[in-house]
Amino acid sequence: MNISSRLQNLAAILVAGLILTGCDAISKPYPDRSMYAVAVGVPDDTKPGEGRGILKVTRIRVDAPYDDRTFFYKVGANEFKADYYNAFVSSPDRMFTLLLQDYLLNSGGFDTFLPPSSGADSDFRLEGNIRALYADFSEGPTPSAVIEARFFLIAMDTADDVVMAEKSYRQRVKAGSGDPEAIAQAWGEALTAIFSNLADDLIGAVEPGSHTR
């Protein structure tokens, strides 16, 4: 066998090997991606509207990179890692907005609550954004669930929109373990505490009887 024939045979063997390797890689399934929902507790009681008017809850914005469904972990002073294989069941902005709507509706304090999709007029608009959403592993194997949020209450019954109240909230809740399910549960507890404080602050910012219709 001459050199040319040997080279041709070697090339054929290499091509066949690459084809088989590619087929094997395609046939292997990707690891499953687990998805989790965040659950928020119910308010302790429902407060009467007392003429505080109509509040429209706009969609909560989540700051990057936390706007992704992927879980984020803090593992050092300035080091974060993304956990692709554990994620929220839906985008956090959509999920947290729905949770906030339900919580405020059950907590009361205003005469009516409108969802983001409503085109009806309202007396107030609530805007908010999540500034941090991660599990902090930097202090040991059992993490703390961290959420930071900022909300604005805007009056709509003036010529120009007026910010009536503005406040930041931060909650840090120790998870039961480092498992993703325990982390999601701790995020739910942190979010419940934020929503509870927010509901009280909203009621305190608007005088009863100031928006009777």
C-alpha atoms as a PDB file:
ATOM      1  CA  MET A   1       0.000   0.000   0.000  1.00  0.00           C
ATOM      2  CA  ASN A   2       1.467   3.346  -1.052  1.00  0.00           C
ATOM      3  CA  ILE A   3       1.556   6.505   1.071  1.00  0.00           C
ATOM      4  CA  SER A   4      -1.416   8.044  -0.755  1.00  0.00           C
ATOM      5  CA  SER A   5      -3.627   5.047  -0.012  1.00  0.00           C
ATOM      6  CA  ARG A   6      -2.582   5.020   3.638  1.00  0.00           C
ATOM      7  CA  LEU A   7      -3.479   8.694   3.999  1.00  0.00           C
ATOM      8  CA  GLN A   8      -6.872   8.089   2.386  1.00  0.00           C
ATOM      9  CA  ASN A   9      -7.592   5.188   4.754  1.00  0.00           C
ATOM     10  CA  LEU A  10      -6.510   7.264   7.782  1.00  0.00           C
ATOM     11  CA  ALA A  11      -8.768  10.130   6.710  1.00  0.00           C
ATOM     12  CA  ALA A  12     -11.706   7.747   6.312  1.00  0.00           C
ATOM     13  CA  ILE A  13     -11.123   6.323   9.807  1.00  0.00           C
ATOM     14  CA  LEU A  14     -10.963   9.819  11.334  1.00  0.00           C
ATOM     15  CA  VAL A  15     -14.181  10.920   9.584  1.00  0.00           C
ATOM     16  CA  ALA A  16     -16.005   7.794  10.741  1.00  0.00           C
ATOM     17  CA  GLY A  17     -14.829   8.378  14.295  1.00  0.00           C
ATOM     18  CA  LEU A  18     -16.061  11.952  14.251  1.00  0.00           C
ATOM     19  CA  ILE A  19     -19.446  10.881  12.899  1.00  0.00           C
ATOM     20  CA  LEU A  20     -19.856   8.231  15.592  1.00  0.00           C
ATOM     21  CA  THR A  21     -18.777  10.661  18.325  1.00  0.00           C
ATOM     22  CA  GLY A  22     -21.269  13.254  17.086  1.00  0.00           C
ATOM     23  CA  CYS A  23     -24.105  10.754  16.972  1.00  0.00           C
ATOM     24  CA  ASP A  24     -23.279   9.603  20.496  1.00  0.00           C
ATOM     25  CA  ALA A  25     -23.320  13.184  21.795  1.00  0.00           C
ATOM     26  CA  ILE A  26     -26.662  13.860  20.148  1.00  0.00           C
ATOM     27  CA  SER A  27     -28.197  10.703  21.596  1.00  0.00           C
ATOM     28  CA  LYS A  28     -27.181  11.584  25.180  1.00  0.00           C
ATOM     29  CA  PRO A  29     -29.973  13.450  27.015  1.00  0.00           C
ATOM     30  CA  TYR A  30     -29.216  16.763  28.701  1.00  0.00           C
ATOM     31  CA  PRO A  31     -29.541  16.778  32.510  1.00  0.00           C
ATOM     32  CA  ASP A  32     -33.026  17.726  33.680  1.00  0.00           C
ATOM     33  CA  ARG A  33     -33.604  21.349  34.660  1.00  0.00           C
ATOM     34  CA  SER A  34     -35.585  21.639  37.882  1.00  0.00           C
ATOM     35  CA  MET A  35     -38.020  24.557  38.170  1.00  0.00           C
ATOM     36  CA  TYR A  36     -39.442  26.118  41.312  1.00  0.00           C
ATOM     37  CA  ALA A  37     -42.202  28.542  42.230  1.00  0.00           C
ATOM     38  CA  VAL A  38     -42.057  31.099  45.020  1.00  0.00           C
ATOM     39  CA  ALA A  39     -45.024  31.053  47.399  1.00  0.00           C
ATOM     40  CA  VAL A  40     -46.105  34.062  49.471  1.00  0.00           C
ATOM     41  CA  GLY A  41     -48.100  33.872  52.696  1.00  0.00           C
ATOM     42  CA  VAL A  42     -51.514  35.477  53.149  1.00  0.00           C
ATOM     43  CA  PRO A  43     -51.985  38.742  55.072  1.00  0.00           C
ATOM     44  CA  ASP A  44     -52.937  38.524  58.739  1.00  0.00           C
ATOM     45  CA  ASP A  45     -56.147  40.483  58.126  1.00  0.00           C
ATOM     46  CA  THR A  46     -57.965  42.524  55.487  1.00  0.00           C
ATOM     47  CA  LYS A  47     -58.187  46.246  56.143  1.00  0.00           C
ATOM     48  CA  PRO A  48     -61.095  48.385  54.857  1.00  0.00           C
ATOM     49  CA  GLY A  49     -60.480  50.789  51.978  1.00  0.00           C
ATOM     50  CA  GLU A  50     -61.938  53.753  53.890  1.00  0.00           C
ATOM     51  CA  GLY A  51     -62.038  55.940  50.785  1.00  0.00           C
ATOM     52  CA  ARG A  52     -58.388  55.630  49.853  1.00  0.00           C
ATOM     53  CA  GLY A  53     -59.371  55.190  46.204  1.00  0.00           C
ATOM     54  CA  ILE A  54     -58.124  52.957  43.401  1.00  0.00           C
ATOM     55  CA  LEU A  55     -54.587  51.579  43.257  1.00  0.00           C
ATOM     56  CA  LYS A  56     -53.125  50.175  40.053  1.00  0.00           C
ATOM     57  CA  VAL A  57     -50.302  47.676  40.487  1.00  0.00           C
ATOM     58  CA  THR A  58     -47.885  47.921  37.569  1.00  0.00           C
ATOM     59  CA  ARG A  59     -45.534  45.151  36.548  1.00  0.00           C
ATOM     60  CA  ILE A  60     -42.543  44.742  38.832  1.00  0.00           C
ATOM     61  CA  ARG A  61     -39.231  45.148  37.054  1.00  0.00           C
ATOM     62  CA  VAL A  62     -36.320  42.900  38.021  1.00  0.00           C
ATOM     63  CA  ASP A  63     -32.833  44.289  37.519  1.00  0.00           C
ATOM     64  CA  ALA A  64     -30.278  42.337  35.493  1.00  0.00           C
ATOM     65  CA  PRO A  65     -28.907  39.744  35.867  1.00  0.00           C
ATOM     66  CA  TYR A  66     -31.647  38.618  38.268  1.00  0.00           C
ATOM     67  CA  ASP A  67     -34.345  39.079  35.613  1.00  0.00           C
ATOM     68  CA  ASP A  68     -33.382  35.675  34.240  1.00  0.00           C
ATOM     69  CA  ARG A  69     -35.167  32.534  35.447  1.00  0.00           C
ATOM     70  CA  THR A  70     -31.828  31.023  36.489  1.00  0.00           C
ATOM     71  CA  PHE A  71     -30.954  30.896  40.191  1.00  0.00           C
ATOM     72  CA  PHE A  72     -28.020  33.096  41.206  1.00  0.00           C
ATOM     73  CA  TYR A  73     -25.677  32.332  44.096  1.00  0.00           C
ATOM     74  CA  LYS A  74     -23.223  34.611  45.859  1.00  0.00           C
ATOM     75  CA  VAL A  75     -20.138  32.511  46.622  1.00  0.00           C
ATOM     76  CA  GLY A  76     -17.619  35.182  47.567  1.00  0.00           C
ATOM     77  CA  ALA A  77     -17.223  38.827  48.450  1.00  0.00           C
ATOM     78  CA  ASN A  78     -17.715  39.856  44.824  1.00  0.00           C
ATOM     79  CA  GLU A  79     -18.264  36.502  43.127  1.00  0.00           C
ATOM     80  CA  PHE A  80     -21.564  35.143  41.833  1.00  0.00           C
ATOM     81  CA  LYS A  81     -22.467  31.953  40.001  1.00  0.00           C
ATOM     82  CA  ALA A  82     -25.493  31.076  37.897  1.00  0.00           C
ATOM     83  CA  ASP A  83     -27.159  27.706  38.471  1.00  0.00           C
ATOM     84  CA  TYR A  84     -28.552  26.769  35.075  1.00  0.00           C
ATOM     85  CA  TYR A  85     -30.042  23.491  36.309  1.00  0.00           C
ATOM     86  CA  ASN A  86     -32.285  25.143  38.923  1.00  0.00           C
ATOM     87  CA  ALA A  87     -34.619  27.937  37.870  1.00  0.00           C
ATOM     88  CA  PHE A  88     -37.897  29.745  38.489  1.00  0.00           C
ATOM     89  CA  VAL A  89     -40.938  28.219  36.843  1.00  0.00           C
ATOM     90  CA  SER A  90     -41.601  31.558  35.097  1.00  0.00           C
ATOM     91  CA  SER A  91     -39.808  34.875  34.743  1.00  0.00           C
ATOM     92  CA  PRO A  92     -39.410  36.465  38.199  1.00  0.00           C
ATOM     93  CA  ASP A  93     -40.955  39.786  37.126  1.00  0.00           C
ATOM     94  CA  ARG A  94     -44.158  38.093  35.971  1.00  0.00           C
ATOM     95  CA  MET A  95     -44.318  35.765  38.978  1.00  0.00           C
ATOM     96  CA  PHE A  96     -43.613  38.465  41.578  1.00  0.00           C
ATOM     97  CA  THR A  97     -46.141  40.855  40.025  1.00  0.00           C
ATOM     98  CA  LEU A  98     -48.915  38.266  40.280  1.00  0.00           C
ATOM     99  CA  LEU A  99     -47.920  37.489  43.866  1.00  0.00           C
ATOM    100  CA  LEU A 100     -47.977  41.187  44.777  1.00  0.00           C
ATOM    101  CA  GLN A 101     -51.404  41.691  43.195  1.00  0.00           C
ATOM    102  CA  ASP A 102     -52.852  38.797  45.183  1.00  0.00           C
ATOM    103  CA  TYR A 103     -51.239  39.916  48.426  1.00  0.00           C
ATOM    104  CA  LEU A 104     -52.448  43.526  48.190  1.00  0.00           C
ATOM    105  CA  LEU A 105     -55.926  42.416  47.156  1.00  0.00           C
ATOM    106  CA  ASN A 106     -56.151  40.291  50.295  1.00  0.00           C
ATOM    107  CA  SER A 107     -54.549  42.890  52.552  1.00  0.00           C
ATOM    108  CA  GLY A 108     -57.025  45.620  51.513  1.00  0.00           C
ATOM    109  CA  GLY A 109     -56.548  49.219  52.508  1.00  0.00           C
ATOM    110  CA  PHE A 110     -57.734  50.623  49.164  1.00  0.00           C
ATOM    111  CA  ASP A 111     -61.211  50.580  47.647  1.00  0.00           C
ATOM    112  CA  THR A 112     -60.143  48.829  44.437  1.00  0.00           C
ATOM    113  CA  PHE A 113     -57.009  47.257  42.985  1.00  0.00           C
ATOM    114  CA  LEU A 114     -56.309  47.183  39.239  1.00  0.00           C
ATOM    115  CA  PRO A 115     -53.895  44.823  37.462  1.00  0.00           C
ATOM    116  CA  PRO A 116     -51.199  46.066  35.040  1.00  0.00           C
ATOM    117  CA  SER A 117     -53.344  45.137  32.020  1.00  0.00           C
ATOM    118  CA  SER A 118     -56.241  47.385  33.066  1.00  0.00           C
ATOM    119  CA  GLY A 119     -56.892  50.542  31.053  1.00  0.00           C
ATOM    120  CA  ALA A 120     -59.220  52.035  33.673  1.00  0.00           C
ATOM    121  CA  ASP A 121     -58.372  55.237  35.511  1.00  0.00           C
ATOM    122  CA  SER A 122     -56.857  54.971  38.964  1.00  0.00           C
ATOM    123  CA  ASP A 123     -56.046  57.351  41.791  1.00  0.00           C
ATOM    124  CA  PHE A 124     -52.627  55.836  42.406  1.00  0.00           C
ATOM    125  CA  ARG A 125     -50.045  53.752  40.593  1.00  0.00           C
ATOM    126  CA  LEU A 126     -47.590  51.438  42.328  1.00  0.00           C
ATOM    127  CA  GLU A 127     -44.249  50.905  40.614  1.00  0.00           C
ATOM    128  CA  GLY A 128     -41.429  48.724  41.848  1.00  0.00           C
ATOM    129  CA  ASN A 129     -38.261  46.933  40.965  1.00  0.00           C
ATOM    130  CA  ILE A 130     -36.300  44.049  42.454  1.00  0.00           C
ATOM    131  CA  ARG A 131     -32.689  45.126  42.832  1.00  0.00           C
ATOM    132  CA  ALA A 132     -31.239  41.885  44.205  1.00  0.00           C
ATOM    133  CA  LEU A 133     -32.428  38.275  44.150  1.00  0.00           C
ATOM    134  CA  TYR A 134     -29.879  35.635  45.107  1.00  0.00           C
ATOM    135  CA  ALA A 135     -28.862  32.981  47.609  1.00  0.00           C
ATOM    136  CA  ASP A 136     -25.820  33.921  49.671  1.00  0.00           C
ATOM    137  CA  PHE A 137     -23.426  30.976  50.112  1.00  0.00           C
ATOM    138  CA  SER A 138     -20.462  33.192  50.965  1.00  0.00           C
ATOM    139  CA  GLU A 139     -20.683  32.483  54.707  1.00  0.00           C
ATOM    140  CA  GLY A 140     -21.128  28.712  54.635  1.00  0.00           C
ATOM    141  CA  PRO A 141     -22.948  25.763  53.054  1.00  0.00           C
ATOM    142  CA  THR A 142     -26.371  26.834  54.366  1.00  0.00           C
ATOM    143  CA  PRO A 143     -27.288  29.966  52.425  1.00  0.00           C
ATOM    144  CA  SER A 144     -29.479  32.966  53.123  1.00  0.00           C
ATOM    145  CA  ALA A 145     -32.108  34.043  50.607  1.00  0.00           C
ATOM    146  CA  VAL A 146     -31.677  37.740  49.827  1.00  0.00           C
ATOM    147  CA  ILE A 147     -34.189  40.083  48.198  1.00  0.00           C
ATOM    148  CA  GLU A 148     -33.878  43.846  47.824  1.00  0.00           C
ATOM    149  CA  ALA A 149     -36.753  45.877  46.388  1.00  0.00           C
ATOM    150  CA  ARG A 150     -37.789  49.481  45.864  1.00  0.00           C
ATOM    151  CA  PHE A 151     -41.343  50.776  45.424  1.00  0.00           C
ATOM    152  CA  PHE A 152     -42.938  54.087  44.426  1.00  0.00           C
ATOM    153  CA  LEU A 153     -46.500  55.207  45.117  1.00  0.00           C
ATOM    154  CA  ILE A 154     -47.523  57.738  42.457  1.00  0.00           C
ATOM    155  CA  ALA A 155     -50.607  59.984  42.629  1.00  0.00           C
ATOM    156  CA  MET A 156     -52.526  60.091  39.341  1.00  0.00           C
ATOM    157  CA  ASP A 157     -55.168  62.750  40.101  1.00  0.00           C
ATOM    158  CA  THR A 158     -52.930  65.774  39.494  1.00  0.00           C
ATOM    159  CA  ALA A 159     -51.711  67.529  36.354  1.00  0.00           C
ATOM    160  CA  ASP A 160     -48.341  65.809  36.747  1.00  0.00           C
ATOM    161  CA  ASP A 161     -47.621  62.438  38.297  1.00  0.00           C
ATOM    162  CA  VAL A 162     -46.445  63.000  41.860  1.00  0.00           C
ATOM    163  CA  VAL A 163     -44.401  60.500  43.866  1.00  0.00           C
ATOM    164  CA  MET A 164     -46.205  60.352  47.201  1.00  0.00           C
ATOM    165  CA  ALA A 165     -44.034  57.711  48.817  1.00  0.00           C
ATOM    166  CA  GLU A 166     -40.788  55.932  48.026  1.00  0.00           C
ATOM    167  CA  LYS A 167     -39.109  53.228  50.055  1.00  0.00           C
ATOM    168  CA  SER A 168     -36.542  50.455  49.774  1.00  0.00           C
ATOM    169  CA  TYR A 169     -36.914  47.064  51.442  1.00  0.00           C
ATOM    170  CA  ARG A 170     -34.375  44.348  52.152  1.00  0.00           C
ATOM    171  CA  GLN A 171     -34.926  40.900  53.579  1.00  0.00           C
ATOM    172  CA  ARG A 172     -32.407  38.168  54.371  1.00  0.00           C
ATOM    173  CA  VAL A 173     -33.880  34.799  55.384  1.00  0.00           C
ATOM    174  CA  LYS A 174     -31.820  31.754  56.350  1.00  0.00           C
ATOM    175  CA  ALA A 175     -32.723  28.734  54.246  1.00  0.00           C
ATOM    176  CA  GLY A 176     -33.265  25.350  55.870  1.00  0.00           C
ATOM    177  CA  SER A 177     -30.527  23.844  53.692  1.00  0.00           C
ATOM    178  CA  GLY A 178     -28.593  24.449  50.509  1.00  0.00           C
ATOM    179  CA  ASP A 179     -31.182  22.593  48.417  1.00  0.00           C
ATOM    180  CA  PRO A 180     -32.870  24.681  45.695  1.00  0.00           C
ATOM    181  CA  GLU A 181     -36.313  23.876  47.127  1.00  0.00           C
ATOM    182  CA  ALA A 182     -35.287  25.245  50.539  1.00  0.00           C
ATOM    183  CA  ILE A 183     -33.852  28.351  48.884  1.00  0.00           C
ATOM    184  CA  ALA A 184     -37.092  28.963  46.977  1.00  0.00           C
ATOM    185  CA  GLN A 185     -39.051  28.607  50.226  1.00  0.00           C
ATOM    186  CA  ALA A 186     -36.779  31.141  51.944  1.00  0.00           C
ATOM    187  CA  TRP A 187     -37.254  33.574  49.044  1.00  0.00           C
ATOM    188  CA  GLY A 188     -40.997  33.215  49.588  1.00  0.00           C
ATOM    189  CA  GLU A 189     -40.617  34.112  53.266  1.00  0.00           C
ATOM    190  CA  ALA A 190     -38.485  37.127  52.375  1.00  0.00           C
ATOM    191  CA  LEU A 191     -40.987  38.308  49.783  1.00  0.00           C
ATOM    192  CA  THR A 192     -43.874  37.883  52.221  1.00  0.00           C
ATOM    193  CA  ALA A 193     -42.127  40.137  54.736  1.00  0.00           C
ATOM    194  CA  ILE A 194     -41.475  42.777  52.059  1.00  0.00           C
ATOM    195  CA  PHE A 195     -45.078  42.716  50.837  1.00  0.00           C
ATOM    196  CA  SER A 196     -46.380  42.950  54.408  1.00  0.00           C
ATOM    197  CA  ASN A 197     -44.283  46.028  55.154  1.00  0.00           C
ATOM    198  CA  LEU A 198     -45.184  47.542  51.789  1.00  0.00           C
ATOM    199  CA  ALA A 199     -48.924  47.065  52.346  1.00  0.00           C
ATOM    200  CA  ASP A 200     -48.727  48.840  55.709  1.00  0.00           C
ATOM    201  CA  ASP A 201     -46.668  51.690  54.243  1.00  0.00           C
ATOM    202  CA  LEU A 202     -49.115  52.191  51.356  1.00  0.00           C
ATOM    203  CA  ILE A 203     -52.047  52.469  53.748  1.00  0.00           C
ATOM    204  CA  GLY A 204     -50.107  54.894  55.913  1.00  0.00           C
ATOM    205  CA  ALA A 205     -49.256  57.109  52.938  1.00  0.00           C
ATOM    206  CA  VAL A 206     -52.893  57.826  51.953  1.00  0.00           C
ATOM    207  CA  GLU A 207     -55.374  59.495  54.254  1.00  0.00           C
ATOM    208  CA  PRO A 208     -58.723  57.713  54.734  1.00  0.00           C
ATOM    209  CA  GLY A 209     -61.602  59.471  52.935  1.00  0.00           C
ATOM    210  CA  SER A 210     -59.293  61.431  50.647  1.00  0.00           C
ATOM    211  CA  HIS A 211     -60.530  59.722  47.460  1.00  0.00           C
ATOM    212  CA  THR A 212     -64.231  59.067  47.850  1.00  0.00           C
ATOM    213  CA  ARG A 213     -66.157  58.752  44.591  1.00  0.00           C
END
